[in-house]
Protein backbone atom coordinates (compact mmCIF):
# COMPACT_ATOMS: atom_id res chain seq x y z
CA MET A 1 -38.50 -13.58 -1.20
CA SER A 2 -38.82 -10.18 -2.89
CA LEU A 3 -36.31 -8.81 -5.39
CA LEU A 4 -35.22 -6.14 -2.89
CA GLU A 5 -34.49 -8.78 -0.25
CA ARG A 6 -32.48 -10.79 -2.75
CA ILE A 7 -30.43 -7.74 -3.66
CA LYS A 8 -29.80 -7.01 0.02
CA GLY A 9 -28.76 -10.63 0.52
CA GLU A 10 -26.29 -10.46 -2.36
CA LEU A 11 -24.87 -7.20 -1.04
CA ASN A 12 -24.42 -8.77 2.40
CA LYS A 13 -22.55 -11.67 0.81
CA ILE A 14 -20.28 -9.28 -1.02
CA THR A 15 -19.66 -7.36 2.21
CA VAL A 16 -18.64 -10.56 4.00
CA LEU A 17 -16.24 -11.46 1.20
CA ARG A 18 -14.67 -8.00 1.44
CA SER A 19 -14.23 -8.29 5.22
CA LEU A 20 -10.59 -8.45 6.38
CA LYS A 21 -11.63 -10.74 9.24
CA PHE A 22 -13.20 -13.17 6.80
CA ARG A 23 -10.14 -13.11 4.56
CA MET A 24 -7.83 -13.76 7.52
CA PHE A 25 -10.12 -16.59 8.61
CA LEU A 26 -10.08 -18.02 5.10
CA ILE A 27 -6.28 -17.80 4.84
CA ILE A 28 -5.71 -19.49 8.22
CA MET A 29 -8.21 -22.25 7.42
CA THR A 30 -6.67 -22.81 3.99
CA VAL A 31 -3.14 -22.97 5.39
CA GLY A 32 -4.32 -25.27 8.20
CA LEU A 33 -6.13 -27.57 5.77
CA ILE A 34 -3.11 -27.76 3.48
CA CYS A 35 -0.84 -28.53 6.43
CA CYS A 36 -3.19 -31.29 7.64
CA LEU A 37 -3.35 -32.86 4.19
CA VAL A 38 0.42 -32.63 3.73
CA MET A 39 0.93 -34.13 7.19
CA ARG A 40 -1.51 -36.96 6.52
CA PHE A 41 -0.25 -37.98 3.11
CA GLY A 42 3.37 -37.21 4.01
CA ILE A 43 3.28 -39.47 7.06
CA ILE A 44 1.44 -42.25 5.23
CA GLN A 45 3.75 -42.16 2.24
CA SER A 46 6.82 -41.94 4.46
CA TYR A 47 5.64 -44.95 6.49
CA PHE A 48 4.89 -46.98 3.37
CA ASN A 49 8.26 -46.24 1.74
CA ARG A 50 10.07 -47.04 4.96
CA ALA A 51 8.09 -50.26 5.50
CA VAL A 52 8.82 -51.47 1.96
CA GLU A 53 12.49 -50.59 2.43
CA VAL A 54 12.68 -52.53 5.73
CA ARG A 55 10.78 -55.51 4.30
CA THR A 56 13.07 -55.57 1.26
CA GLY A 57 16.19 -55.43 3.43
CA ASP A 58 14.98 -58.23 5.70
CA VAL A 59 14.07 -60.51 2.78
CA GLN A 60 17.34 -59.80 0.98
CA ASN A 61 19.30 -60.75 4.09
CA GLN A 62 17.33 -64.00 4.34
CA ILE A 63 17.89 -64.72 0.65
CA LYS A 64 21.64 -64.10 0.91
CA ILE A 65 21.83 -66.60 3.79
CA LEU A 66 19.76 -68.99 1.70
CA ALA A 67 22.11 -68.47 -1.27
CA ASP A 68 25.04 -69.62 0.86
CA HIS A 69 23.09 -72.71 1.86
CA LEU A 70 22.32 -73.48 -1.79
CA ILE A 71 26.02 -73.50 -2.52
CA THR A 72 26.83 -75.53 0.57
CA TYR A 73 24.29 -78.24 -0.29
CA ASN A 74 25.08 -78.07 -4.04
CA TYR A 75 21.38 -77.38 -4.59
CA LEU A 76 21.71 -76.21 -8.22
CA GLN A 77 22.89 -79.73 -9.21
CA ASP A 78 20.74 -81.66 -6.75
CA PRO A 79 17.53 -79.77 -5.79
CA THR A 80 16.33 -82.59 -3.52
CA SER A 81 17.88 -81.31 -0.29
CA GLU A 82 15.16 -81.42 2.34
CA VAL A 83 16.93 -78.82 4.48
CA VAL A 84 17.08 -76.28 1.65
CA ASN A 85 13.56 -77.02 0.49
CA ALA A 86 12.30 -76.57 4.04
CA GLU A 87 14.06 -73.21 4.22
CA LEU A 88 12.58 -72.17 0.86
CA ASN A 89 9.07 -73.13 1.96
CA MET A 90 9.53 -71.43 5.32
CA LEU A 91 10.71 -68.20 3.60
CA SER A 92 7.79 -68.35 1.19
CA ASN A 93 5.28 -68.89 3.99
CA LEU A 94 6.86 -66.33 6.31
CA TYR A 95 6.54 -63.47 3.84
CA ASP A 96 3.51 -64.84 1.98
CA GLY A 97 5.55 -64.95 -1.18
CA ARG A 98 7.11 -67.07 -3.87
CA VAL A 99 10.71 -68.18 -4.40
CA LEU A 100 12.23 -69.38 -7.70
CA ILE A 101 15.73 -70.85 -8.04
CA ILE A 102 17.22 -70.37 -11.53
CA ASN A 103 20.44 -72.04 -12.70
CA ASN A 104 22.94 -70.61 -15.18
CA SER A 105 20.92 -72.14 -18.04
CA PHE A 106 17.96 -69.87 -17.11
CA LYS A 107 16.03 -72.97 -16.06
CA VAL A 108 13.78 -72.86 -13.00
CA ILE A 109 14.91 -75.75 -10.81
CA LYS A 110 12.70 -74.81 -7.86
CA ASP A 111 9.38 -72.95 -7.58
CA THR A 112 7.71 -72.84 -4.19
CA TYR A 113 4.37 -72.53 -6.06
CA ASN A 114 5.27 -75.58 -8.22
CA VAL A 115 4.03 -73.69 -11.29
CA SER A 116 7.13 -72.73 -13.31
CA GLN A 117 9.42 -75.51 -12.22
CA GLY A 118 11.41 -76.92 -15.16
CA LYS A 119 10.60 -73.92 -17.34
CA THR A 120 13.06 -71.49 -18.80
CA ILE A 121 12.76 -67.89 -17.66
CA ILE A 122 14.51 -64.97 -19.32
CA SER A 123 13.87 -61.44 -18.13
CA GLU A 124 15.80 -58.18 -17.84
CA GLU A 125 16.06 -58.54 -14.07
CA VAL A 126 17.39 -62.13 -14.31
CA ILE A 127 19.94 -61.20 -17.00
CA ARG A 128 21.16 -58.21 -14.97
CA CYS A 129 21.34 -60.42 -11.87
CA PHE A 130 23.58 -62.90 -13.72
CA LYS A 131 25.88 -59.89 -14.25
CA GLY A 132 26.14 -59.49 -10.49
CA GLU A 133 23.39 -56.95 -9.74
CA SER A 134 20.91 -57.35 -6.89
CA ILE A 135 17.59 -55.82 -7.94
CA SER A 136 14.42 -55.00 -5.99
CA ASN A 137 11.17 -53.44 -7.27
CA TYR A 138 7.74 -52.73 -5.81
CA ASP A 139 4.85 -53.75 -8.03
CA ASP A 140 2.04 -51.42 -6.96
CA ASN A 141 -0.44 -53.11 -9.34
CA ASN A 142 -0.13 -56.51 -7.66
CA ASN A 143 1.10 -55.19 -4.30
CA TYR A 144 4.27 -57.32 -4.36
CA ILE A 145 7.96 -56.68 -3.72
CA GLU A 146 10.10 -58.44 -6.33
CA MET A 147 13.81 -59.16 -5.72
CA THR A 148 16.59 -60.95 -7.56
CA VAL A 149 19.75 -62.02 -5.71
CA PRO A 150 22.71 -63.69 -7.45
CA ILE A 151 24.09 -67.04 -6.23
CA THR A 152 27.83 -66.44 -6.33
CA ILE A 153 30.90 -68.66 -5.89
CA THR A 154 34.57 -67.68 -5.99
CA LEU A 155 36.94 -69.49 -8.35
CA ASN A 156 40.58 -68.45 -8.48
CA ASP A 157 39.71 -65.30 -6.52
CA THR A 158 37.12 -64.39 -9.16
CA PRO A 159 33.42 -64.31 -8.22
CA GLN A 160 31.12 -66.12 -10.63
CA VAL A 161 27.32 -66.10 -10.71
CA ILE A 162 26.06 -69.64 -11.06
CA GLY A 163 22.39 -68.98 -10.39
CA VAL A 164 19.67 -66.51 -9.37
CA ILE A 165 17.11 -66.44 -6.60
CA LEU A 166 13.95 -64.65 -7.79
CA THR A 167 11.61 -63.77 -4.94
CA SER A 168 8.17 -62.13 -4.80
CA VAL A 169 7.03 -60.99 -1.35
CA SER A 170 3.49 -59.86 -0.51
CA ALA A 171 3.06 -56.27 0.86
CA ASP A 172 -0.49 -56.89 2.12
CA SER A 173 0.54 -56.60 5.77
CA ILE A 174 2.18 -53.24 4.98
CA MET A 175 -1.03 -52.05 3.28
CA THR A 176 -3.07 -53.21 6.29
CA ASN A 177 -0.87 -51.25 8.66
CA GLN A 178 -1.03 -48.29 6.31
CA GLU A 179 -4.83 -48.30 6.37
CA ILE A 180 -4.82 -48.35 10.18
CA LEU A 181 -2.33 -45.50 10.23
CA ASP A 182 -4.41 -43.63 7.66
CA ARG A 183 -7.51 -43.83 9.87
CA GLN A 184 -5.51 -42.52 12.81
CA ALA A 185 -4.10 -39.73 10.64
CA ILE A 186 -7.64 -38.74 9.60
CA LEU A 187 -8.69 -38.50 13.24
CA ILE A 188 -5.61 -36.40 14.06
CA ALA A 189 -6.31 -34.18 11.01
CA ILE A 190 -9.91 -33.64 12.13
CA VAL A 191 -8.76 -32.66 15.62
CA LEU A 192 -6.16 -30.31 14.15
CA LEU A 193 -8.75 -28.76 11.82
CA ILE A 194 -11.01 -28.10 14.80
CA ILE A 195 -8.09 -26.39 16.56
CA VAL A 196 -7.23 -24.46 13.39
CA PHE A 197 -10.88 -23.38 13.08
CA ALA A 198 -10.84 -22.05 16.65
CA VAL A 199 -7.58 -20.24 15.99
CA ALA A 200 -8.92 -18.88 12.67
CA VAL A 201 -11.91 -17.43 14.51
CA ALA A 202 -9.92 -16.04 17.45
CA ILE A 203 -6.91 -14.51 15.68
CA PRO A 204 -8.87 -12.14 13.36
CA ARG A 205 -10.92 -10.94 16.33
CA VAL A 206 -7.80 -10.17 18.37
CA ALA A 207 -5.89 -8.80 15.39
CA MET A 208 -8.70 -6.43 14.40
CA GLN A 209 -9.24 -4.93 17.87
CA PRO A 210 -6.74 -2.08 17.27
CA PHE A 211 -8.48 -1.30 13.97
CA ASP A 212 -11.82 -1.22 15.80
CA LYS A 213 -10.30 1.31 18.15
CA VAL A 214 -9.32 3.53 15.23
CA THR A 215 -12.78 3.11 13.72
CA ASN A 216 -14.42 4.18 16.97
CA ALA A 217 -12.17 7.22 17.12
CA ILE A 218 -13.12 8.18 13.57
CA ASN A 219 -16.79 7.77 14.46
CA GLN A 220 -16.25 10.09 17.43
CA VAL A 221 -14.80 12.68 15.09
CA LYS A 222 -17.75 12.19 12.77
CA ALA A 223 -20.21 12.59 15.65
CA GLY A 224 -18.47 15.64 17.09
CA PHE A 225 -15.00 17.08 16.84
CA THR A 226 -12.58 15.76 19.43
CA ASP A 227 -9.16 16.99 20.53
CA GLU A 228 -8.02 13.56 21.72
CA LYS A 229 -5.22 11.86 19.84
CA ILE A 230 -5.26 8.14 19.12
CA VAL A 231 -2.44 5.98 20.45
CA ALA A 232 -1.93 2.56 18.83
CA GLU A 233 1.34 0.70 19.20
CA ASP A 234 0.07 -2.77 18.31
CA TYR A 235 1.41 -2.91 14.75
CA THR A 236 3.93 -0.83 12.84
CA GLU A 237 1.52 -0.51 9.90
CA LEU A 238 -1.25 0.64 12.22
CA GLU A 239 1.07 3.25 13.73
CA HIS A 240 1.45 4.79 10.26
CA ILE A 241 -2.34 4.89 9.86
CA VAL A 242 -2.81 6.40 13.33
CA ASP A 243 -0.08 8.98 12.72
CA ALA A 244 -1.75 9.98 9.47
CA PHE A 245 -5.12 10.17 11.23
CA ASN A 246 -3.71 12.29 14.05
CA GLN A 247 -2.15 14.62 11.50
CA LEU A 248 -5.51 14.82 9.75
CA LEU A 249 -7.15 15.52 13.11
CA ALA A 250 -4.68 18.32 13.80
CA ARG A 251 -5.26 19.70 10.31
CA MET A 252 -9.01 19.61 10.87
CA LYS A 253 -8.57 21.53 14.12
CA VAL A 254 -6.45 24.13 12.36
CA LEU A 255 -9.04 24.42 9.59
CA ASP A 256 -11.85 24.66 12.13
CA ASP A 257 -9.99 27.36 14.06
CA SER A 258 -9.21 29.11 10.79
CA ARG A 259 -12.86 28.92 9.77
CA GLN A 260 -14.02 30.36 13.07
CA GLU A 261 -11.40 33.09 12.89
CA PHE A 262 -12.37 33.83 9.29
CA VAL A 263 -16.06 34.13 10.18
CA SER A 264 -15.16 36.37 13.10
CA ASN A 265 -12.92 38.54 10.92
CA VAL A 266 -15.53 38.78 8.16
CA SER A 267 -18.15 39.77 10.69
CA HIS A 268 -15.86 42.40 12.19
CA GLU A 269 -14.68 43.80 8.86
CA LEU A 270 -18.20 44.05 7.47
CA LYS A 271 -19.59 45.46 10.67
CA THR A 272 -16.97 48.21 11.12
CA PRO A 273 -17.93 50.35 8.08
CA LEU A 274 -21.62 49.89 8.86
CA THR A 275 -21.01 51.06 12.42
CA SER A 276 -19.20 54.14 11.15
CA VAL A 277 -22.03 54.88 8.72
CA LYS A 278 -24.60 54.51 11.52
CA VAL A 279 -22.64 56.82 13.84
CA LEU A 280 -22.32 59.47 11.12
CA ALA A 281 -25.98 59.20 10.15
CA ASP A 282 -27.12 59.35 13.78
CA SER A 283 -24.98 62.44 14.31
CA LEU A 284 -26.72 64.16 11.42
CA ASN A 285 -30.16 63.09 12.59
CA THR A 286 -29.67 64.27 16.16
CA GLN A 287 -28.51 67.74 15.15
CA GLU A 288 -30.80 70.47 13.98
CA ASN A 289 -29.85 73.06 11.41
CA VAL A 290 -26.72 71.19 10.42
CA PRO A 291 -24.35 73.45 8.47
CA VAL A 292 -23.96 72.52 4.82
CA GLU A 293 -20.18 72.16 5.20
CA LEU A 294 -20.56 69.69 8.10
CA TYR A 295 -23.32 67.86 6.23
CA LYS A 296 -21.07 67.47 3.17
CA GLU A 297 -18.16 66.31 5.33
CA PHE A 298 -20.27 63.65 7.03
CA MET A 299 -21.75 62.50 3.74
CA SER A 300 -18.26 62.25 2.25
CA ASP A 301 -17.19 60.07 5.20
CA ILE A 302 -20.30 57.89 4.70
CA VAL A 303 -19.42 57.42 1.01
CA ASP A 304 -15.84 56.43 1.98
CA GLU A 305 -17.15 53.82 4.42
CA ILE A 306 -19.56 52.46 1.79
CA ASP A 307 -16.68 52.24 -0.71
CA ARG A 308 -14.63 50.36 1.90
CA GLU A 309 -17.52 47.97 2.52
CA ASN A 310 -17.86 47.42 -1.22
CA LYS A 311 -14.14 46.67 -1.56
CA ILE A 312 -14.30 44.07 1.24
CA ILE A 313 -17.30 42.38 -0.41
CA ASN A 314 -15.59 42.36 -3.83
CA ASP A 315 -12.43 40.83 -2.35
CA LEU A 316 -14.51 38.18 -0.57
CA LEU A 317 -16.25 37.34 -3.84
CA SER A 318 -12.86 37.03 -5.53
CA LEU A 319 -11.73 34.57 -2.85
CA VAL A 320 -14.90 32.52 -3.25
CA LYS A 321 -14.31 32.29 -7.00
CA LEU A 322 -10.66 31.31 -6.47
CA ASP A 323 -11.68 28.58 -4.02
CA LYS A 324 -13.54 26.78 -6.81
CA ALA A 325 -11.96 24.06 -8.93
CA ALA A 326 -9.04 24.95 -11.16
CA ALA A 327 -11.21 23.95 -14.13
CA ASP A 328 -12.61 27.49 -13.90
CA LEU A 329 -9.28 28.86 -15.09
CA ASN A 330 -9.36 30.37 -18.57
CA ILE A 331 -5.94 29.15 -19.73
CA GLU A 332 -4.39 30.74 -22.80
CA SER A 333 -0.96 31.61 -24.12
CA VAL A 334 -0.01 35.04 -22.73
CA ASP A 335 2.95 37.36 -23.38
CA ILE A 336 4.07 37.94 -19.78
CA ASN A 337 6.27 40.89 -20.75
CA LYS A 338 3.32 42.77 -22.24
CA LEU A 339 1.17 41.81 -19.24
CA MET A 340 3.75 43.33 -16.88
CA GLU A 341 3.97 46.50 -18.96
CA SER A 342 0.20 46.96 -18.95
CA ILE A 343 0.08 46.48 -15.16
CA PHE A 344 2.88 49.02 -14.70
CA LYS A 345 1.05 51.49 -16.93
CA ARG A 346 -2.12 51.07 -14.87
CA LEU A 347 -0.30 51.51 -11.52
CA MET A 348 1.98 54.37 -12.58
CA PRO A 349 -0.42 57.15 -11.44
CA LEU A 350 -0.69 55.58 -7.96
CA ALA A 351 3.11 55.28 -7.77
CA LYS A 352 3.63 58.93 -8.79
CA GLU A 353 1.05 60.01 -6.23
CA GLN A 354 3.05 58.20 -3.51
CA GLY A 355 6.39 59.34 -4.91
CA ILE A 356 7.47 55.78 -5.72
CA ASP A 357 9.65 54.75 -8.70
CA LEU A 358 8.44 51.70 -10.63
CA ILE A 359 11.20 49.62 -12.27
CA PHE A 360 10.66 46.66 -14.61
CA GLU A 361 13.57 44.46 -15.75
CA SER A 362 13.02 41.56 -18.14
CA GLN A 363 15.86 39.09 -18.68
CA ARG A 364 14.20 37.59 -21.74
CA PRO A 365 10.84 37.40 -23.56
CA VAL A 366 8.44 35.09 -21.71
CA THR A 367 5.27 33.44 -23.03
CA ALA A 368 3.29 31.15 -20.73
CA GLU A 369 -0.06 29.35 -20.45
CA VAL A 370 -1.97 31.21 -17.72
CA ASP A 371 -5.30 32.77 -16.87
CA GLU A 372 -4.46 36.37 -17.79
CA VAL A 373 -7.20 38.01 -15.69
CA LYS A 374 -6.46 36.11 -12.47
CA LEU A 375 -2.67 36.32 -12.80
CA SER A 376 -2.95 40.04 -13.57
CA LEU A 377 -4.89 40.49 -10.31
CA ALA A 378 -2.20 38.59 -8.34
CA ILE A 379 0.68 40.62 -9.83
CA THR A 380 -1.23 43.86 -9.31
CA ASN A 381 -1.79 43.03 -5.63
CA LEU A 382 1.95 42.44 -5.08
CA ILE A 383 3.06 45.64 -6.86
CA GLU A 384 0.25 47.69 -5.29
CA ASN A 385 1.27 46.48 -1.81
CA GLY A 386 4.87 47.47 -2.61
CA ILE A 387 3.66 50.95 -3.46
CA LYS A 388 1.28 51.42 -0.53
CA TYR A 389 3.58 50.04 2.19
CA ASN A 390 6.67 51.92 1.03
CA LYS A 391 8.67 54.88 2.23
CA LYS A 392 8.75 58.33 0.72
CA ASP A 393 10.86 58.47 -2.46
CA GLY A 394 11.07 54.68 -2.40
CA TRP A 395 11.03 52.18 -5.26
CA VAL A 396 9.34 48.96 -6.42
CA LYS A 397 11.25 46.68 -8.81
CA VAL A 398 9.96 43.69 -10.79
CA ILE A 399 12.48 41.28 -12.37
CA LEU A 400 11.14 38.74 -14.91
CA ASP A 401 13.13 35.65 -15.92
CA ALA A 402 12.54 32.12 -17.24
CA ASP A 403 14.17 28.79 -18.00
CA HIS A 404 13.02 25.91 -20.19
CA GLN A 405 10.28 24.87 -17.73
CA PHE A 406 9.33 27.74 -15.39
CA PHE A 407 9.18 31.51 -15.35
CA THR A 408 9.78 33.61 -12.23
CA PHE A 409 9.20 37.19 -11.24
CA GLU A 410 10.43 39.02 -8.18
CA VAL A 411 8.56 41.97 -6.72
CA SER A 412 10.87 43.84 -4.34
CA ASP A 413 10.46 47.20 -2.63
CA SER A 414 12.24 49.58 -0.28
CA GLY A 415 9.31 49.66 2.12
CA ILE A 416 8.71 49.20 5.80
CA GLY A 417 9.41 45.46 5.72
CA ILE A 418 7.78 42.55 7.55
CA SER A 419 9.02 40.92 10.74
CA GLU A 420 10.01 37.25 10.66
CA GLU A 421 7.10 36.29 12.91
CA GLU A 422 4.54 38.12 10.78
CA GLN A 423 5.88 36.58 7.56
CA LYS A 424 4.28 33.29 8.66
CA HIS A 425 0.80 34.84 8.61
CA ILE A 426 0.75 37.36 5.76
CA PHE A 427 -1.07 34.97 3.39
CA GLU A 428 -3.86 34.38 5.89
CA ARG A 429 -7.18 36.04 5.17
CA PHE A 430 -7.74 39.41 6.89
CA TYR A 431 -4.23 39.38 8.36
CA ARG A 432 -2.59 42.80 8.16
CA VAL A 433 0.95 43.65 9.25
CA ASP A 434 0.31 47.33 10.04
CA LYS A 435 -3.39 47.57 10.83
CA SER A 436 -3.40 51.33 11.34
CA HIS A 437 -1.57 51.92 8.05
CA SER A 438 -3.88 49.41 6.30
CA ARG A 439 -6.92 51.26 7.52
CA GLU A 440 -5.48 54.55 6.24
CA ILE A 441 -4.84 53.16 2.76
CA GLY A 442 -8.00 51.05 2.64
CA GLY A 443 -6.46 47.59 2.96
CA THR A 444 -8.74 44.63 3.68
CA GLY A 445 -6.13 41.97 4.46
CA LEU A 446 -7.38 39.79 1.57
CA GLY A 447 -4.99 40.82 -1.21
CA LEU A 448 -2.15 38.39 -0.43
CA ALA A 449 -4.64 35.58 0.26
CA ILE A 450 -6.11 36.16 -3.23
CA THR A 451 -2.60 36.28 -4.72
CA ARG A 452 -1.52 33.01 -3.08
CA SER A 453 -4.72 31.21 -4.17
CA THR A 454 -4.16 32.36 -7.75
CA ILE A 455 -0.54 31.19 -7.78
CA LEU A 456 -1.48 27.78 -6.34
CA MET A 457 -4.25 27.37 -8.93
CA HIS A 458 -1.57 27.80 -11.59
CA ARG A 459 0.50 25.04 -9.87
CA GLY A 460 3.09 27.60 -8.85
CA SER A 461 4.75 28.77 -5.65
CA ILE A 462 5.26 32.06 -3.81
CA LYS A 463 7.68 32.90 -1.02
CA VAL A 464 8.59 36.06 0.84
CA THR A 465 11.83 37.45 2.29
CA SER A 466 11.87 40.69 4.21
CA VAL A 467 13.89 42.83 6.62
CA LEU A 468 12.22 45.45 8.81
CA GLU A 469 12.75 49.01 7.59
CA GLU A 470 14.73 47.75 4.58
CA GLY A 471 12.14 46.20 2.28
CA THR A 472 10.37 43.07 1.11
CA THR A 473 10.78 40.66 -1.84
CA PHE A 474 8.08 38.29 -3.12
CA THR A 475 9.38 35.54 -5.43
CA VAL A 476 6.80 33.78 -7.64
CA LYS A 477 7.57 30.67 -9.71
CA LEU A 478 5.09 29.39 -12.31
CA PRO A 479 5.22 26.68 -15.01
CA LEU A 480 5.43 27.87 -18.61
CA SER A 481 2.92 25.16 -19.61
CA TYR A 482 -0.18 24.73 -17.48
CA ILE A 483 -0.23 21.42 -15.57
CA GLN A 484 -3.66 19.77 -15.38
């Protein structure tokens, strides 16, 4: 096997481990295996404990009956009673165990094994039994149940322990039954594991079908744009994913429509001046002996159209630059008051030409981290629009203010205003409120788009309020410190 094949094999393994289906399969199998093991050992242990408990209870009942017989036949003084000895032997044989009778001198007077008879036996269990306690223990090393039961008589209404019956009972039969039960439990566990395996294979397949549907829809979008929305009501979590995807789909459609509209507008805007130039040039070419005055007039119109074309191209280039990453911003600490004053000084001749008063009000000195060139262009666009789209003897006012975190400036005018419907579109590229007026003053419909892009690059916001025939106010809010 080549190195490349090995690498591919390892990658495939990693892909399988990352699969949600595989992880669901693994979780179900793990849970199923744990449940089978718990069931098996739980049932076995429960059976064993219960069997030992039942065996202990049965033997204790037999021993208590035997204790009464020992008293009746005065066995502790005369251990020769054939009836009692027969009962002791029968009990020993029945439970495959051993029975010892101990008198109050701790002497073994009867041992069904005939091993410790006549010997003295002192142990914690025997001593506690002489105090009236009945004790039972399971010896898991020797697989025996050991019990001590007191032999009690009543003298003057006071119970007295005169002896102890010490019994050891074999638990071999319980272990044999436990082994049989264990084999049956293993078979049941294997059957359950097979069922769990089938479930673990089936559930991920069924559970992932809605996700496959979403994947197919995404592939359709990747292959070719689609207007169809995805509907998935299988899981709440999947609904959130589908909703987000549908919103993304709608956003993509808007962007695609915007792109097509932008290309169409660019084509139209670039073509219009060229068409005018061609018409003017053709008019000159088709006429003979063109008067110098007419020639100069046509050439002047051609120069105006070329200037208009150049302005459109420059604005498009500005938009392209603004569409790049914000890392292109040249951030530095700038005195905003001085920046405003320099912009006003530069636009004052245009304002006087239009008969517009420029007013600047600063509430306080403001210094902020901005790209001076780009922000200057945005502010200039807003003030210039206020001048161009104003009324005769109107005004444009800029109010600058700041708090501890942001600075704001309002650019308001007494101009023609913008309708509520058109306010939704003024930041779109090539959109112009008054197209005839825009053409007269040389507007391209890109100024506000450039302004908005600049403000957003600075992590700021811009909003507009306007009333037709009363004026317009643009409010810009920017952070004093640039946010990366």
